[in-house]
Amino acid sequence: MSSSSNFEPLVVLQFSSTIPDVTKEWVIKRLTASQVENDGADLLVRYDMDPESHNNILLIGATLHRLLIGAEELRIKKPYKQKTLREFLVSDIDHFDNSG
């Protein structure tokens, strides 16, 4: 499982108390599975309890590398050094404004 206690959560997923454990385990497995090897999301997940509802929650985050790949997959546009907007490419990261 790609989990770490030291990441900033970007998404919170709350499970109903009636959801079977096998379903929760399947979701966690798909979120944390390697994107390349297992067709997973390759995300970071921390399993916790919501203090108010006492339902189980997943705190979901990503490494910087995974966020960059996601930006490329979504074809997010970013200012290029020539002051034009271009679709972000990880392989061309050094040619975008504010990249390193």
PDB file of N, CA and C in Angstrom:
ATOM      1  N   MET A   1       0.844  -1.172   0.000  1.00  0.00           N
ATOM      2  CA  MET A   1       0.000   0.000   0.000  1.00  0.00           C
ATOM      3  C   MET A   1       0.886   1.230   0.000  1.00  0.00           C
ATOM      4  N   SER A   2       0.588   2.190  -0.857  1.00  0.00           N
ATOM      5  CA  SER A   2       1.352   3.432  -0.898  1.00  0.00           C
ATOM      6  C   SER A   2       0.772   4.387   0.133  1.00  0.00           C
ATOM      7  N   SER A   3       1.083   4.167   1.363  1.00  0.00           N
ATOM      8  CA  SER A   3       0.562   5.051   2.390  1.00  0.00           C
ATOM      9  C   SER A   3       1.711   5.676   3.152  1.00  0.00           C
ATOM     10  N   SER A   4       1.438   6.837   3.686  1.00  0.00           N
ATOM     11  CA  SER A   4       2.437   7.552   4.455  1.00  0.00           C
ATOM     12  C   SER A   4       1.696   8.470   5.400  1.00  0.00           C
ATOM     13  N   SER A   5       2.197   8.614   6.588  1.00  0.00           N
ATOM     14  CA  SER A   5       1.529   9.504   7.527  1.00  0.00           C
ATOM     15  C   SER A   5       1.936  10.955   7.310  1.00  0.00           C
ATOM     16  N   ASN A   6       2.920  11.200   6.449  1.00  0.00           N
ATOM     17  CA  ASN A   6       3.430  12.552   6.242  1.00  0.00           C
ATOM     18  C   ASN A   6       3.074  13.100   4.873  1.00  0.00           C
ATOM     19  N   PHE A   7       1.803  13.280   4.599  1.00  0.00           N
ATOM     20  CA  PHE A   7       1.397  13.919   3.361  1.00  0.00           C
ATOM     21  C   PHE A   7       0.195  14.808   3.635  1.00  0.00           C
ATOM     22  N   GLU A   8       0.024  15.797   2.784  1.00  0.00           N
ATOM     23  CA  GLU A   8      -1.113  16.698   2.917  1.00  0.00           C
ATOM     24  C   GLU A   8      -2.296  16.104   2.166  1.00  0.00           C
ATOM     25  N   PRO A   9      -3.387  15.792   2.867  1.00  0.00           N
ATOM     26  CA  PRO A   9      -4.552  15.235   2.176  1.00  0.00           C
ATOM     27  C   PRO A   9      -5.144  16.250   1.199  1.00  0.00           C
ATOM     28  N   LEU A  10      -5.508  15.764   0.028  1.00  0.00           N
ATOM     29  CA  LEU A  10      -6.135  16.594  -0.996  1.00  0.00           C
ATOM     30  C   LEU A  10      -7.616  16.272  -1.134  1.00  0.00           C
ATOM     31  N   VAL A  11      -7.988  15.058  -0.732  1.00  0.00           N
ATOM     32  CA  VAL A  11      -9.374  14.588  -0.829  1.00  0.00           C
ATOM     33  C   VAL A  11      -9.686  13.779   0.422  1.00  0.00           C
ATOM     34  N   VAL A  12     -10.917  13.914   0.901  1.00  0.00           N
ATOM     35  CA  VAL A  12     -11.385  13.088   2.013  1.00  0.00           C
ATOM     36  C   VAL A  12     -12.566  12.265   1.506  1.00  0.00           C
ATOM     37  N   LEU A  13     -12.481  10.968   1.676  1.00  0.00           N
ATOM     38  CA  LEU A  13     -13.549  10.056   1.272  1.00  0.00           C
ATOM     39  C   LEU A  13     -14.119   9.441   2.537  1.00  0.00           C
ATOM     40  N   GLN A  14     -15.423   9.637   2.760  1.00  0.00           N
ATOM     41  CA  GLN A  14     -16.051   9.113   3.967  1.00  0.00           C
ATOM     42  C   GLN A  14     -16.913   7.912   3.610  1.00  0.00           C
ATOM     43  N   PHE A  15     -16.721   6.829   4.348  1.00  0.00           N
ATOM     44  CA  PHE A  15     -17.513   5.622   4.160  1.00  0.00           C
ATOM     45  C   PHE A  15     -18.680   5.611   5.139  1.00  0.00           C
ATOM     46  N   SER A  16     -19.812   5.151   4.690  1.00  0.00           N
ATOM     47  CA  SER A  16     -20.938   4.903   5.577  1.00  0.00           C
ATOM     48  C   SER A  16     -20.562   3.773   6.525  1.00  0.00           C
ATOM     49  N   SER A  17     -21.136   3.780   7.698  1.00  0.00           N
ATOM     50  CA  SER A  17     -20.834   2.723   8.670  1.00  0.00           C
ATOM     51  C   SER A  17     -21.345   1.364   8.204  1.00  0.00           C
ATOM     52  N   THR A  18     -22.209   1.342   7.196  1.00  0.00           N
ATOM     53  CA  THR A  18     -22.766   0.077   6.707  1.00  0.00           C
ATOM     54  C   THR A  18     -21.940  -0.553   5.578  1.00  0.00           C
ATOM     55  N   ILE A  19     -20.913   0.145   5.112  1.00  0.00           N
ATOM     56  CA  ILE A  19     -20.082  -0.389   4.027  1.00  0.00           C
ATOM     57  C   ILE A  19     -19.263  -1.567   4.555  1.00  0.00           C
ATOM     58  N   PRO A  20     -19.298  -2.695   3.866  1.00  0.00           N
ATOM     59  CA  PRO A  20     -18.509  -3.856   4.313  1.00  0.00           C
ATOM     60  C   PRO A  20     -17.004  -3.582   4.240  1.00  0.00           C
ATOM     61  N   ASP A  21     -16.261  -4.201   5.131  1.00  0.00           N
ATOM     62  CA  ASP A  21     -14.805  -4.038   5.155  1.00  0.00           C
ATOM     63  C   ASP A  21     -14.165  -4.435   3.832  1.00  0.00           C
ATOM     64  N   VAL A  22     -14.701  -5.458   3.183  1.00  0.00           N
ATOM     65  CA  VAL A  22     -14.129  -5.909   1.918  1.00  0.00           C
ATOM     66  C   VAL A  22     -14.210  -4.801   0.857  1.00  0.00           C
ATOM     67  N   THR A  23     -15.258  -4.007   0.891  1.00  0.00           N
ATOM     68  CA  THR A  23     -15.402  -2.892  -0.053  1.00  0.00           C
ATOM     69  C   THR A  23     -14.374  -1.811   0.244  1.00  0.00           C
ATOM     70  N   LYS A  24     -14.201  -1.490   1.511  1.00  0.00           N
ATOM     71  CA  LYS A  24     -13.203  -0.490   1.902  1.00  0.00           C
ATOM     72  C   LYS A  24     -11.805  -0.938   1.481  1.00  0.00           C
ATOM     73  N   GLU A  25     -11.506  -2.200   1.719  1.00  0.00           N
ATOM     74  CA  GLU A  25     -10.195  -2.735   1.348  1.00  0.00           C
ATOM     75  C   GLU A  25      -9.978  -2.677  -0.162  1.00  0.00           C
ATOM     76  N   TRP A  26     -11.031  -2.958  -0.937  1.00  0.00           N
ATOM     77  CA  TRP A  26     -10.927  -2.903  -2.400  1.00  0.00           C
ATOM     78  C   TRP A  26     -10.632  -1.470  -2.856  1.00  0.00           C
ATOM     79  N   VAL A  27     -11.347  -0.492  -2.291  1.00  0.00           N
ATOM     80  CA  VAL A  27     -11.129   0.915  -2.660  1.00  0.00           C
ATOM     81  C   VAL A  27      -9.696   1.328  -2.331  1.00  0.00           C
ATOM     82  N   ILE A  28      -9.235   0.996  -1.144  1.00  0.00           N
ATOM     83  CA  ILE A  28      -7.865   1.343  -0.741  1.00  0.00           C
ATOM     84  C   ILE A  28      -6.853   0.687  -1.675  1.00  0.00           C
ATOM     85  N   LYS A  29      -7.091  -0.567  -2.012  1.00  0.00           N
ATOM     86  CA  LYS A  29      -6.172  -1.283  -2.903  1.00  0.00           C
ATOM     87  C   LYS A  29      -6.106  -0.609  -4.274  1.00  0.00           C
ATOM     88  N   ARG A  30      -7.240  -0.182  -4.822  1.00  0.00           N
ATOM     89  CA  ARG A  30      -7.261   0.474  -6.136  1.00  0.00           C
ATOM     90  C   ARG A  30      -6.594   1.850  -6.074  1.00  0.00           C
ATOM     91  N   LEU A  31      -6.814   2.577  -5.003  1.00  0.00           N
ATOM     92  CA  LEU A  31      -6.214   3.908  -4.873  1.00  0.00           C
ATOM     93  C   LEU A  31      -4.703   3.839  -4.721  1.00  0.00           C
ATOM     94  N   THR A  32      -4.223   2.837  -4.011  1.00  0.00           N
ATOM     95  CA  THR A  32      -2.793   2.769  -3.711  1.00  0.00           C
ATOM     96  C   THR A  32      -2.001   1.892  -4.674  1.00  0.00           C
ATOM     97  N   ALA A  33      -2.680   1.139  -5.512  1.00  0.00           N
ATOM     98  CA  ALA A  33      -1.977   0.256  -6.454  1.00  0.00           C
ATOM     99  C   ALA A  33      -1.136   1.070  -7.423  1.00  0.00           C
ATOM    100  N   SER A  34      -0.025   0.498  -7.826  1.00  0.00           N
ATOM    101  CA  SER A  34       0.864   1.137  -8.793  1.00  0.00           C
ATOM    102  C   SER A  34       0.133   1.367 -10.106  1.00  0.00           C
ATOM    103  N   GLN A  35       0.282   2.559 -10.641  1.00  0.00           N
ATOM    104  CA  GLN A  35      -0.371   2.896 -11.903  1.00  0.00           C
ATOM    105  C   GLN A  35       0.198   2.073 -13.048  1.00  0.00           C
ATOM    106  N   VAL A  36       1.490   1.886 -13.049  1.00  0.00           N
ATOM    107  CA  VAL A  36       2.156   1.186 -14.147  1.00  0.00           C
ATOM    108  C   VAL A  36       1.911  -0.322 -14.080  1.00  0.00           C
ATOM    109  N   GLU A  37       2.107  -0.903 -12.917  1.00  0.00           N
ATOM    110  CA  GLU A  37       2.046  -2.359 -12.799  1.00  0.00           C
ATOM    111  C   GLU A  37       0.634  -2.907 -12.607  1.00  0.00           C
ATOM    112  N   ASN A  38      -0.207  -2.192 -11.889  1.00  0.00           N
ATOM    113  CA  ASN A  38      -1.513  -2.741 -11.516  1.00  0.00           C
ATOM    114  C   ASN A  38      -2.691  -1.893 -11.961  1.00  0.00           C
ATOM    115  N   ASP A  39      -2.461  -0.928 -12.835  1.00  0.00           N
ATOM    116  CA  ASP A  39      -3.523  -0.057 -13.335  1.00  0.00           C
ATOM    117  C   ASP A  39      -4.259   0.653 -12.196  1.00  0.00           C
ATOM    118  N   GLY A  40      -3.510   0.995 -11.146  1.00  0.00           N
ATOM    119  CA  GLY A  40      -4.091   1.687 -10.008  1.00  0.00           C
ATOM    120  C   GLY A  40      -3.904   3.189 -10.127  1.00  0.00           C
ATOM    121  N   ALA A  41      -4.300   3.900  -9.082  1.00  0.00           N
ATOM    122  CA  ALA A  41      -4.187   5.356  -9.076  1.00  0.00           C
ATOM    123  C   ALA A  41      -2.847   5.837  -8.532  1.00  0.00           C
ATOM    124  N   ASP A  42      -2.118   4.974  -7.836  1.00  0.00           N
ATOM    125  CA  ASP A  42      -0.786   5.307  -7.313  1.00  0.00           C
ATOM    126  C   ASP A  42      -0.830   6.506  -6.363  1.00  0.00           C
ATOM    127  N   LEU A  43      -1.850   6.519  -5.498  1.00  0.00           N
ATOM    128  CA  LEU A  43      -2.037   7.627  -4.568  1.00  0.00           C
ATOM    129  C   LEU A  43      -1.622   7.232  -3.152  1.00  0.00           C
ATOM    130  N   LEU A  44      -1.508   8.225  -2.300  1.00  0.00           N
ATOM    131  CA  LEU A  44      -1.200   8.020  -0.885  1.00  0.00           C
ATOM    132  C   LEU A  44      -2.516   8.008  -0.115  1.00  0.00           C
ATOM    133  N   VAL A  45      -2.665   7.092   0.817  1.00  0.00           N
ATOM    134  CA  VAL A  45      -3.916   6.967   1.560  1.00  0.00           C
ATOM    135  C   VAL A  45      -3.615   6.773   3.038  1.00  0.00           C
ATOM    136  N   ARG A  46      -4.379   7.490   3.847  1.00  0.00           N
ATOM    137  CA  ARG A  46      -4.314   7.292   5.300  1.00  0.00           C
ATOM    138  C   ARG A  46      -5.743   6.997   5.773  1.00  0.00           C
ATOM    139  N   TYR A  47      -5.917   5.905   6.468  1.00  0.00           N
ATOM    140  CA  TYR A  47      -7.219   5.457   6.967  1.00  0.00           C
ATOM    141  C   TYR A  47      -7.415   6.045   8.355  1.00  0.00           C
ATOM    142  N   ASP A  48      -8.574   6.638   8.601  1.00  0.00           N
ATOM    143  CA  ASP A  48      -8.797   7.301   9.883  1.00  0.00           C
ATOM    144  C   ASP A  48     -10.269   7.197  10.261  1.00  0.00           C
ATOM    145  N   MET A  49     -10.610   7.764  11.414  1.00  0.00           N
ATOM    146  CA  MET A  49     -11.987   7.791  11.899  1.00  0.00           C
ATOM    147  C   MET A  49     -12.425   9.250  11.989  1.00  0.00           C
ATOM    148  N   ASP A  50     -13.606   9.552  11.442  1.00  0.00           N
ATOM    149  CA  ASP A  50     -14.149  10.904  11.527  1.00  0.00           C
ATOM    150  C   ASP A  50     -14.578  11.143  12.974  1.00  0.00           C
ATOM    151  N   PRO A  51     -14.023  12.169  13.629  1.00  0.00           N
ATOM    152  CA  PRO A  51     -14.332  12.378  15.050  1.00  0.00           C
ATOM    153  C   PRO A  51     -15.794  12.737  15.315  1.00  0.00           C
ATOM    154  N   GLU A  52     -16.478  13.304  14.322  1.00  0.00           N
ATOM    155  CA  GLU A  52     -17.877  13.698  14.532  1.00  0.00           C
ATOM    156  C   GLU A  52     -18.854  12.556  14.267  1.00  0.00           C
ATOM    157  N   SER A  53     -18.737  11.933  13.112  1.00  0.00           N
ATOM    158  CA  SER A  53     -19.698  10.890  12.736  1.00  0.00           C
ATOM    159  C   SER A  53     -19.249   9.495  13.150  1.00  0.00           C
ATOM    160  N   HIS A  54     -17.975   9.357  13.485  1.00  0.00           N
ATOM    161  CA  HIS A  54     -17.369   8.061  13.821  1.00  0.00           C
ATOM    162  C   HIS A  54     -17.369   7.093  12.641  1.00  0.00           C
ATOM    163  N   ASN A  55     -17.578   7.622  11.432  1.00  0.00           N
ATOM    164  CA  ASN A  55     -17.454   6.802  10.230  1.00  0.00           C
ATOM    165  C   ASN A  55     -15.990   6.744   9.824  1.00  0.00           C
ATOM    166  N   ASN A  56     -15.660   5.723   9.083  1.00  0.00           N
ATOM    167  CA  ASN A  56     -14.299   5.592   8.575  1.00  0.00           C
ATOM    168  C   ASN A  56     -14.090   6.555   7.417  1.00  0.00           C
ATOM    169  N   ILE A  57     -12.919   7.170   7.382  1.00  0.00           N
ATOM    170  CA  ILE A  57     -12.589   8.080   6.290  1.00  0.00           C
ATOM    171  C   ILE A  57     -11.223   7.711   5.719  1.00  0.00           C
ATOM    172  N   LEU A  58     -11.058   8.045   4.463  1.00  0.00           N
ATOM    173  CA  LEU A  58      -9.762   7.927   3.810  1.00  0.00           C
ATOM    174  C   LEU A  58      -9.281   9.326   3.498  1.00  0.00           C
ATOM    175  N   LEU A  59      -8.077   9.634   3.924  1.00  0.00           N
ATOM    176  CA  LEU A  59      -7.425  10.881   3.558  1.00  0.00           C
ATOM    177  C   LEU A  59      -6.524  10.539   2.383  1.00  0.00           C
ATOM    178  N   ILE A  60      -6.739  11.212   1.262  1.00  0.00           N
ATOM    179  CA  ILE A  60      -6.066  10.844   0.019  1.00  0.00           C
ATOM    180  C   ILE A  60      -5.178  11.982  -0.443  1.00  0.00           C
ATOM    181  N   GLY A  61      -3.956  11.650  -0.801  1.00  0.00           N
ATOM    182  CA  GLY A  61      -2.994  12.624  -1.300  1.00  0.00           C
ATOM    183  C   GLY A  61      -2.188  12.012  -2.430  1.00  0.00           C
ATOM    184  N   ALA A  62      -1.155  12.723  -2.835  1.00  0.00           N
ATOM    185  CA  ALA A  62      -0.323  12.244  -3.938  1.00  0.00           C
ATOM    186  C   ALA A  62       1.080  12.807  -3.800  1.00  0.00           C
ATOM    187  N   THR A  63       2.031  12.086  -4.359  1.00  0.00           N
ATOM    188  CA  THR A  63       3.397  12.599  -4.428  1.00  0.00           C
ATOM    189  C   THR A  63       3.445  13.696  -5.488  1.00  0.00           C
ATOM    190  N   LEU A  64       4.468  14.518  -5.433  1.00  0.00           N
ATOM    191  CA  LEU A  64       4.627  15.563  -6.445  1.00  0.00           C
ATOM    192  C   LEU A  64       4.696  14.944  -7.839  1.00  0.00           C
ATOM    193  N   HIS A  65       5.428  13.852  -7.966  1.00  0.00           N
ATOM    194  CA  HIS A  65       5.543  13.191  -9.271  1.00  0.00           C
ATOM    195  C   HIS A  65       4.170  12.753  -9.788  1.00  0.00           C
ATOM    196  N   ARG A  66       3.343  12.198  -8.921  1.00  0.00           N
ATOM    197  CA  ARG A  66       2.004  11.744  -9.340  1.00  0.00           C
ATOM    198  C   ARG A  66       1.138  12.932  -9.733  1.00  0.00           C
ATOM    199  N   LEU A  67       1.253  14.046  -9.011  1.00  0.00           N
ATOM    200  CA  LEU A  67       0.495  15.245  -9.370  1.00  0.00           C
ATOM    201  C   LEU A  67       0.919  15.773 -10.736  1.00  0.00           C
ATOM    202  N   LEU A  68       2.223  15.741 -11.015  1.00  0.00           N
ATOM    203  CA  LEU A  68       2.713  16.197 -12.321  1.00  0.00           C
ATOM    204  C   LEU A  68       2.204  15.299 -13.444  1.00  0.00           C
ATOM    205  N   ILE A  69       2.215  14.000 -13.215  1.00  0.00           N
ATOM    206  CA  ILE A  69       1.684  13.074 -14.218  1.00  0.00           C
ATOM    207  C   ILE A  69       0.190  13.329 -14.428  1.00  0.00           C
ATOM    208  N   GLY A  70      -0.526  13.572 -13.351  1.00  0.00           N
ATOM    209  CA  GLY A  70      -1.955  13.878 -13.456  1.00  0.00           C
ATOM    210  C   GLY A  70      -2.206  15.144 -14.250  1.00  0.00           C
ATOM    211  N   ALA A  71      -1.373  16.165 -14.038  1.00  0.00           N
ATOM    212  CA  ALA A  71      -1.509  17.412 -14.800  1.00  0.00           C
ATOM    213  C   ALA A  71      -1.302  17.155 -16.288  1.00  0.00           C
ATOM    214  N   GLU A  72      -0.341  16.304 -16.601  1.00  0.00           N
ATOM    215  CA  GLU A  72      -0.094  15.958 -18.005  1.00  0.00           C
ATOM    216  C   GLU A  72      -1.271  15.169 -18.581  1.00  0.00           C
ATOM    217  N   GLU A  73      -1.771  14.203 -17.835  1.00  0.00           N
ATOM    218  CA  GLU A  73      -2.893  13.386 -18.308  1.00  0.00           C
ATOM    219  C   GLU A  73      -4.148  14.223 -18.539  1.00  0.00           C
ATOM    220  N   LEU A  74      -4.344  15.241 -17.706  1.00  0.00           N
ATOM    221  CA  LEU A  74      -5.514  16.113 -17.846  1.00  0.00           C
ATOM    222  C   LEU A  74      -5.303  17.236 -18.863  1.00  0.00           C
ATOM    223  N   ARG A  75      -4.088  17.285 -19.421  1.00  0.00           N
ATOM    224  CA  ARG A  75      -3.730  18.301 -20.416  1.00  0.00           C
ATOM    225  C   ARG A  75      -3.914  19.727 -19.877  1.00  0.00           C
ATOM    226  N   ILE A  76      -3.488  19.904 -18.637  1.00  0.00           N
ATOM    227  CA  ILE A  76      -3.559  21.225 -18.020  1.00  0.00           C
ATOM    228  C   ILE A  76      -2.566  22.146 -18.708  1.00  0.00           C
ATOM    229  N   LYS A  77      -3.009  23.360 -18.987  1.00  0.00           N
ATOM    230  CA  LYS A  77      -2.134  24.326 -19.656  1.00  0.00           C
ATOM    231  C   LYS A  77      -1.402  25.156 -18.615  1.00  0.00           C
ATOM    232  N   LYS A  78      -0.147  25.443 -18.918  1.00  0.00           N
ATOM    233  CA  LYS A  78       0.725  26.195 -18.016  1.00  0.00           C
ATOM    234  C   LYS A  78       1.537  27.165 -18.859  1.00  0.00           C
ATOM    235  N   PRO A  79       1.860  28.346 -18.301  1.00  0.00           N
ATOM    236  CA  PRO A  79       2.670  29.308 -19.068  1.00  0.00           C
ATOM    237  C   PRO A  79       4.044  28.735 -19.413  1.00  0.00           C
ATOM    238  N   TYR A  80       4.361  28.780 -20.676  1.00  0.00           N
ATOM    239  CA  TYR A  80       5.650  28.340 -21.190  1.00  0.00           C
ATOM    240  C   TYR A  80       6.610  29.513 -21.079  1.00  0.00           C
ATOM    241  N   LYS A  81       7.900  29.286 -21.113  1.00  0.00           N
ATOM    242  CA  LYS A  81       8.873  30.375 -20.956  1.00  0.00           C
ATOM    243  C   LYS A  81       8.750  31.432 -22.039  1.00  0.00           C
ATOM    244  N   GLN A  82       8.153  31.074 -23.176  1.00  0.00           N
ATOM    245  CA  GLN A  82       7.959  32.054 -24.245  1.00  0.00           C
ATOM    246  C   GLN A  82       6.658  32.828 -24.047  1.00  0.00           C
ATOM    247  N   LYS A  83       6.073  32.716 -22.863  1.00  0.00           N
ATOM    248  CA  LYS A  83       4.856  33.430 -22.465  1.00  0.00           C
ATOM    249  C   LYS A  83       3.610  32.959 -23.207  1.00  0.00           C
ATOM    250  N   THR A  84       3.646  31.771 -23.748  1.00  0.00           N
ATOM    251  CA  THR A  84       2.456  31.187 -24.350  1.00  0.00           C
ATOM    252  C   THR A  84       1.950  30.090 -23.420  1.00  0.00           C
ATOM    253  N   LEU A  85       0.690  29.748 -23.534  1.00  0.00           N
ATOM    254  CA  LEU A  85       0.140  28.644 -22.755  1.00  0.00           C
ATOM    255  C   LEU A  85       0.306  27.360 -23.550  1.00  0.00           C
ATOM    256  N   ARG A  86       0.831  26.348 -22.899  1.00  0.00           N
ATOM    257  CA  ARG A  86       0.999  25.044 -23.537  1.00  0.00           C
ATOM    258  C   ARG A  86       0.557  23.959 -22.575  1.00  0.00           C
ATOM    259  N   GLU A  87       0.149  22.843 -23.154  1.00  0.00           N
ATOM    260  CA  GLU A  87      -0.191  21.695 -22.320  1.00  0.00           C
ATOM    261  C   GLU A  87       1.066  21.235 -21.587  1.00  0.00           C
ATOM    262  N   PHE A  88       0.911  21.012 -20.297  1.00  0.00           N
ATOM    263  CA  PHE A  88       2.041  20.619 -19.468  1.00  0.00           C
ATOM    264  C   PHE A  88       2.532  19.227 -19.843  1.00  0.00           C
ATOM    265  N   LEU A  89       3.848  19.083 -19.959  1.00  0.00           N
ATOM    266  CA  LEU A  89       4.495  17.793 -20.198  1.00  0.00           C
ATOM    267  C   LEU A  89       5.606  17.608 -19.169  1.00  0.00           C
ATOM    268  N   VAL A  90       5.595  16.498 -18.468  1.00  0.00           N
ATOM    269  CA  VAL A  90       6.633  16.219 -17.478  1.00  0.00           C
ATOM    270  C   VAL A  90       8.007  16.241 -18.137  1.00  0.00           C
ATOM    271  N   SER A  91       8.109  15.694 -19.335  1.00  0.00           N
ATOM    272  CA  SER A  91       9.403  15.622 -20.028  1.00  0.00           C
ATOM    273  C   SER A  91       9.938  16.993 -20.431  1.00  0.00           C
ATOM    274  N   ASP A  92       9.083  18.006 -20.418  1.00  0.00           N
ATOM    275  CA  ASP A  92       9.474  19.356 -20.835  1.00  0.00           C
ATOM    276  C   ASP A  92       9.341  20.347 -19.674  1.00  0.00           C
ATOM    277  N   ILE A  93       9.375  19.849 -18.457  1.00  0.00           N
ATOM    278  CA  ILE A  93       9.084  20.662 -17.273  1.00  0.00           C
ATOM    279  C   ILE A  93       9.997  21.884 -17.147  1.00  0.00           C
ATOM    280  N   ASP A  94      11.252  21.770 -17.542  1.00  0.00           N
ATOM    281  CA  ASP A  94      12.201  22.872 -17.385  1.00  0.00           C
ATOM    282  C   ASP A  94      11.895  24.072 -18.269  1.00  0.00           C
ATOM    283  N   HIS A  95      11.051  23.907 -19.273  1.00  0.00           N
ATOM    284  CA  HIS A  95      10.732  25.008 -20.179  1.00  0.00           C
ATOM    285  C   HIS A  95       9.452  25.751 -19.804  1.00  0.00           C
ATOM    286  N   PHE A  96       8.853  25.402 -18.672  1.00  0.00           N
ATOM    287  CA  PHE A  96       7.658  26.090 -18.209  1.00  0.00           C
ATOM    288  C   PHE A  96       8.043  27.106 -17.142  1.00  0.00           C
ATOM    289  N   ASP A  97       7.298  28.206 -17.091  1.00  0.00           N
ATOM    290  CA  ASP A  97       7.554  29.230 -16.077  1.00  0.00           C
ATOM    291  C   ASP A  97       7.463  28.624 -14.676  1.00  0.00           C
ATOM    292  N   ASN A  98       8.294  29.119 -13.780  1.00  0.00           N
ATOM    293  CA  ASN A  98       8.307  28.721 -12.365  1.00  0.00           C
ATOM    294  C   ASN A  98       8.521  27.225 -12.160  1.00  0.00           C
ATOM    295  N   SER A  99       9.262  26.611 -13.030  1.00  0.00           N
ATOM    296  CA  SER A  99       9.546  25.174 -12.895  1.00  0.00           C
ATOM    297  C   SER A  99      11.010  24.967 -12.544  1.00  0.00           C
ATOM    298  N   GLY A 100      11.287  25.032 -11.291  1.00  0.00           N
ATOM    299  CA  GLY A 100      12.635  24.736 -10.818  1.00  0.00           C
ATOM    300  C   GLY A 100      13.493  25.907 -10.857  1.00  0.00           C
TER     301      GLY A 100
END
